[in-house]
Amino acid sequence: MSTSTADLDDDDLLSESEYRDRLRELPPSAKLVAKVLEGDAPLSQGQLAEESLLPDRTVRYALNRLEDADLVGSRYSFKDARKQVYYLNT
């Protein structure tokens, strides 16, 4: 788990075409969560559920799929260290 997007090397960031290719293989819920993160990152799981209008369980599944594809990273929230926030690796 990364502590911030600034900790990522340039090698860890994906090109736009590689990002789109990986995203293309994922389910619609993961695509929607990624789209929400494009506009308002970093967000917690609850915030993602609220913004996407998806159930918490579906958001959790989508985040797991996005993390498996190395499209999303997470860190602990500065406002509440009990929560994780998610951001895109682009």
N, C-alpha and C. Protein backbone atom coordinates (compact mmCIF):
# COMPACT_ATOMS: atom_id res chain seq x y z
N MET A 1 0.85 -1.16 0.00
CA MET A 1 0.00 0.00 0.00
C MET A 1 0.90 1.23 0.00
N SER A 2 0.66 2.12 -0.89
CA SER A 2 1.43 3.34 -1.01
C SER A 2 0.89 4.40 -0.06
N THR A 3 1.77 5.29 0.37
CA THR A 3 1.31 6.34 1.27
C THR A 3 0.77 7.54 0.53
N SER A 4 1.18 7.74 -0.71
CA SER A 4 0.64 8.83 -1.50
C SER A 4 0.98 8.62 -2.96
N THR A 5 0.34 9.39 -3.82
CA THR A 5 0.63 9.28 -5.24
C THR A 5 2.02 9.82 -5.55
N ALA A 6 2.57 10.68 -4.69
CA ALA A 6 3.90 11.22 -4.91
C ALA A 6 4.97 10.16 -4.70
N ASP A 7 4.66 9.08 -3.98
CA ASP A 7 5.62 8.02 -3.73
C ASP A 7 5.80 7.10 -4.93
N LEU A 8 4.95 7.21 -5.93
CA LEU A 8 5.03 6.35 -7.09
C LEU A 8 6.13 6.82 -8.02
N ASP A 9 6.90 5.88 -8.54
CA ASP A 9 7.90 6.20 -9.55
C ASP A 9 7.19 6.40 -10.87
N ASP A 10 7.86 7.10 -11.79
CA ASP A 10 7.29 7.27 -13.12
C ASP A 10 7.07 5.92 -13.80
N ASP A 11 7.90 4.92 -13.45
CA ASP A 11 7.74 3.59 -14.03
C ASP A 11 6.47 2.92 -13.55
N ASP A 12 5.98 3.29 -12.35
CA ASP A 12 4.78 2.68 -11.79
C ASP A 12 3.51 3.25 -12.41
N LEU A 13 3.59 4.45 -12.97
CA LEU A 13 2.42 5.07 -13.57
C LEU A 13 2.18 4.49 -14.96
N LEU A 14 0.91 4.34 -15.29
CA LEU A 14 0.54 3.73 -16.56
C LEU A 14 0.33 4.80 -17.62
N SER A 15 0.64 4.44 -18.86
CA SER A 15 0.30 5.32 -19.97
C SER A 15 -1.21 5.28 -20.15
N GLU A 16 -1.74 6.26 -20.83
CA GLU A 16 -3.18 6.33 -21.06
C GLU A 16 -3.69 5.09 -21.80
N SER A 17 -2.95 4.64 -22.80
CA SER A 17 -3.41 3.47 -23.57
C SER A 17 -3.35 2.19 -22.74
N GLU A 18 -2.30 2.03 -21.92
CA GLU A 18 -2.20 0.85 -21.06
C GLU A 18 -3.31 0.86 -20.00
N TYR A 19 -3.58 2.04 -19.45
CA TYR A 19 -4.67 2.19 -18.47
C TYR A 19 -6.00 1.77 -19.10
N ARG A 20 -6.29 2.27 -20.29
CA ARG A 20 -7.55 1.96 -20.97
C ARG A 20 -7.63 0.47 -21.32
N ASP A 21 -6.52 -0.14 -21.73
CA ASP A 21 -6.52 -1.57 -22.06
C ASP A 21 -6.84 -2.41 -20.84
N ARG A 22 -6.24 -2.09 -19.71
CA ARG A 22 -6.51 -2.85 -18.48
C ARG A 22 -7.94 -2.63 -18.01
N LEU A 23 -8.42 -1.40 -18.11
CA LEU A 23 -9.78 -1.08 -17.67
C LEU A 23 -10.83 -1.77 -18.54
N ARG A 24 -10.53 -1.92 -19.81
CA ARG A 24 -11.47 -2.53 -20.76
C ARG A 24 -11.86 -3.96 -20.35
N GLU A 25 -10.95 -4.66 -19.69
CA GLU A 25 -11.18 -6.06 -19.30
C GLU A 25 -12.00 -6.20 -18.01
N LEU A 26 -12.27 -5.11 -17.34
CA LEU A 26 -12.93 -5.17 -16.03
C LEU A 26 -14.44 -5.04 -16.14
N PRO A 27 -15.16 -5.44 -15.10
CA PRO A 27 -16.63 -5.34 -15.10
C PRO A 27 -17.10 -3.88 -15.07
N PRO A 28 -18.35 -3.64 -15.46
CA PRO A 28 -18.87 -2.28 -15.48
C PRO A 28 -18.77 -1.54 -14.15
N SER A 29 -18.93 -2.23 -13.04
CA SER A 29 -18.84 -1.56 -11.74
C SER A 29 -17.45 -0.99 -11.51
N ALA A 30 -16.43 -1.72 -11.92
CA ALA A 30 -15.05 -1.23 -11.78
C ALA A 30 -14.81 -0.02 -12.68
N LYS A 31 -15.39 -0.05 -13.87
CA LYS A 31 -15.25 1.09 -14.78
C LYS A 31 -15.92 2.33 -14.20
N LEU A 32 -17.08 2.15 -13.59
CA LEU A 32 -17.78 3.29 -12.98
C LEU A 32 -17.00 3.85 -11.81
N VAL A 33 -16.47 3.00 -10.97
CA VAL A 33 -15.67 3.46 -9.82
C VAL A 33 -14.43 4.20 -10.32
N ALA A 34 -13.78 3.69 -11.36
CA ALA A 34 -12.61 4.38 -11.93
C ALA A 34 -13.00 5.74 -12.47
N LYS A 35 -14.15 5.83 -13.11
CA LYS A 35 -14.62 7.10 -13.66
C LYS A 35 -14.87 8.12 -12.54
N VAL A 36 -15.46 7.66 -11.45
CA VAL A 36 -15.69 8.55 -10.30
C VAL A 36 -14.35 9.03 -9.74
N LEU A 37 -13.37 8.13 -9.67
CA LEU A 37 -12.06 8.51 -9.15
C LEU A 37 -11.32 9.47 -10.07
N GLU A 38 -11.62 9.42 -11.36
CA GLU A 38 -11.00 10.37 -12.29
C GLU A 38 -11.34 11.80 -11.92
N GLY A 39 -12.55 12.00 -11.45
CA GLY A 39 -12.99 13.35 -11.14
C GLY A 39 -12.72 13.79 -9.73
N ASP A 40 -12.80 12.88 -8.76
CA ASP A 40 -12.74 13.26 -7.34
C ASP A 40 -11.88 12.32 -6.52
N ALA A 41 -10.62 12.23 -6.79
CA ALA A 41 -9.77 11.35 -5.99
C ALA A 41 -8.97 12.20 -5.02
N PRO A 42 -8.58 11.71 -3.89
CA PRO A 42 -8.88 10.39 -3.32
C PRO A 42 -10.23 10.38 -2.61
N LEU A 43 -10.86 9.22 -2.64
CA LEU A 43 -12.16 9.02 -1.99
C LEU A 43 -12.15 7.73 -1.18
N SER A 44 -12.92 7.72 -0.10
CA SER A 44 -13.08 6.51 0.70
C SER A 44 -14.09 5.59 0.03
N GLN A 45 -14.18 4.38 0.51
CA GLN A 45 -15.14 3.42 -0.04
C GLN A 45 -16.57 3.94 0.10
N GLY A 46 -16.89 4.53 1.23
CA GLY A 46 -18.22 5.09 1.45
C GLY A 46 -18.52 6.23 0.51
N GLN A 47 -17.54 7.10 0.31
CA GLN A 47 -17.72 8.21 -0.63
C GLN A 47 -17.91 7.70 -2.05
N LEU A 48 -17.18 6.66 -2.41
CA LEU A 48 -17.32 6.07 -3.74
C LEU A 48 -18.72 5.49 -3.92
N ALA A 49 -19.22 4.83 -2.89
CA ALA A 49 -20.57 4.26 -2.96
C ALA A 49 -21.60 5.36 -3.13
N GLU A 50 -21.42 6.45 -2.41
CA GLU A 50 -22.35 7.57 -2.49
C GLU A 50 -22.31 8.24 -3.86
N GLU A 51 -21.12 8.45 -4.39
CA GLU A 51 -20.97 9.14 -5.68
C GLU A 51 -21.41 8.27 -6.86
N SER A 52 -21.15 6.97 -6.78
CA SER A 52 -21.46 6.07 -7.89
C SER A 52 -22.87 5.50 -7.82
N LEU A 53 -23.52 5.65 -6.66
CA LEU A 53 -24.85 5.07 -6.42
C LEU A 53 -24.83 3.54 -6.46
N LEU A 54 -23.67 2.97 -6.19
CA LEU A 54 -23.52 1.51 -6.11
C LEU A 54 -23.55 1.08 -4.65
N PRO A 55 -24.00 -0.15 -4.38
CA PRO A 55 -23.95 -0.67 -3.00
C PRO A 55 -22.50 -0.82 -2.52
N ASP A 56 -22.31 -0.73 -1.21
CA ASP A 56 -20.96 -0.85 -0.63
C ASP A 56 -20.26 -2.12 -1.08
N ARG A 57 -20.98 -3.21 -1.10
CA ARG A 57 -20.40 -4.50 -1.48
C ARG A 57 -19.89 -4.47 -2.93
N THR A 58 -20.64 -3.83 -3.81
CA THR A 58 -20.24 -3.74 -5.22
C THR A 58 -19.02 -2.84 -5.37
N VAL A 59 -18.97 -1.76 -4.60
CA VAL A 59 -17.80 -0.88 -4.63
C VAL A 59 -16.58 -1.63 -4.12
N ARG A 60 -16.73 -2.40 -3.07
CA ARG A 60 -15.62 -3.18 -2.53
C ARG A 60 -15.10 -4.17 -3.58
N TYR A 61 -16.02 -4.84 -4.27
CA TYR A 61 -15.65 -5.77 -5.35
C TYR A 61 -14.91 -5.02 -6.47
N ALA A 62 -15.45 -3.87 -6.88
CA ALA A 62 -14.84 -3.08 -7.95
C ALA A 62 -13.43 -2.63 -7.56
N LEU A 63 -13.27 -2.17 -6.32
CA LEU A 63 -11.94 -1.74 -5.86
C LEU A 63 -10.95 -2.90 -5.84
N ASN A 64 -11.40 -4.06 -5.44
CA ASN A 64 -10.52 -5.24 -5.45
C ASN A 64 -10.08 -5.57 -6.87
N ARG A 65 -11.00 -5.51 -7.81
CA ARG A 65 -10.66 -5.78 -9.21
C ARG A 65 -9.70 -4.72 -9.76
N LEU A 66 -9.94 -3.45 -9.42
CA LEU A 66 -9.05 -2.37 -9.87
C LEU A 66 -7.66 -2.49 -9.24
N GLU A 67 -7.60 -2.89 -7.98
CA GLU A 67 -6.30 -3.09 -7.32
C GLU A 67 -5.56 -4.27 -7.94
N ASP A 68 -6.27 -5.35 -8.25
CA ASP A 68 -5.65 -6.51 -8.89
C ASP A 68 -5.03 -6.15 -10.23
N ALA A 69 -5.66 -5.20 -10.93
CA ALA A 69 -5.16 -4.75 -12.24
C ALA A 69 -4.15 -3.60 -12.10
N ASP A 70 -3.78 -3.26 -10.87
CA ASP A 70 -2.84 -2.17 -10.58
C ASP A 70 -3.30 -0.83 -11.15
N LEU A 71 -4.60 -0.61 -11.13
CA LEU A 71 -5.15 0.65 -11.63
C LEU A 71 -5.46 1.62 -10.50
N VAL A 72 -5.59 1.10 -9.28
CA VAL A 72 -5.96 1.91 -8.13
C VAL A 72 -4.97 1.65 -7.00
N GLY A 73 -4.63 2.72 -6.31
CA GLY A 73 -3.82 2.60 -5.11
C GLY A 73 -4.60 3.11 -3.93
N SER A 74 -4.10 2.86 -2.73
CA SER A 74 -4.79 3.32 -1.53
C SER A 74 -3.78 3.78 -0.49
N ARG A 75 -4.28 4.60 0.40
CA ARG A 75 -3.49 5.08 1.53
C ARG A 75 -4.47 5.38 2.66
N TYR A 76 -3.95 5.57 3.86
CA TYR A 76 -4.81 5.94 4.96
C TYR A 76 -5.20 7.41 4.83
N SER A 77 -6.41 7.71 5.23
CA SER A 77 -6.92 9.07 5.16
C SER A 77 -6.21 9.95 6.17
N PHE A 78 -5.88 11.17 5.78
CA PHE A 78 -5.28 12.11 6.71
C PHE A 78 -6.31 12.63 7.70
N LYS A 79 -7.58 12.64 7.31
CA LYS A 79 -8.66 13.13 8.17
C LYS A 79 -9.08 12.09 9.20
N ASP A 80 -9.05 10.83 8.81
CA ASP A 80 -9.46 9.74 9.70
C ASP A 80 -8.60 8.52 9.39
N ALA A 81 -7.60 8.27 10.21
CA ALA A 81 -6.63 7.20 9.96
C ALA A 81 -7.25 5.80 10.00
N ARG A 82 -8.52 5.69 10.41
CA ARG A 82 -9.18 4.39 10.40
C ARG A 82 -9.67 4.03 9.00
N LYS A 83 -9.71 5.01 8.12
CA LYS A 83 -10.24 4.80 6.77
C LYS A 83 -9.14 4.85 5.73
N GLN A 84 -9.36 4.11 4.65
CA GLN A 84 -8.47 4.19 3.51
C GLN A 84 -9.15 5.03 2.43
N VAL A 85 -8.33 5.72 1.66
CA VAL A 85 -8.84 6.44 0.50
C VAL A 85 -8.15 5.87 -0.74
N TYR A 86 -8.83 5.96 -1.85
CA TYR A 86 -8.38 5.34 -3.09
C TYR A 86 -8.16 6.40 -4.16
N TYR A 87 -7.19 6.13 -5.04
CA TYR A 87 -6.84 7.03 -6.13
C TYR A 87 -6.38 6.19 -7.32
N LEU A 88 -6.41 6.79 -8.49
CA LEU A 88 -5.98 6.10 -9.71
C LEU A 88 -4.48 6.14 -9.85
N ASN A 89 -3.91 5.11 -10.43
CA ASN A 89 -2.46 5.03 -10.69
C ASN A 89 -2.16 5.50 -12.12
N THR A 90 -2.68 6.63 -12.49
CA THR A 90 -2.39 7.15 -13.84
C THR A 90 -1.68 8.47 -13.77
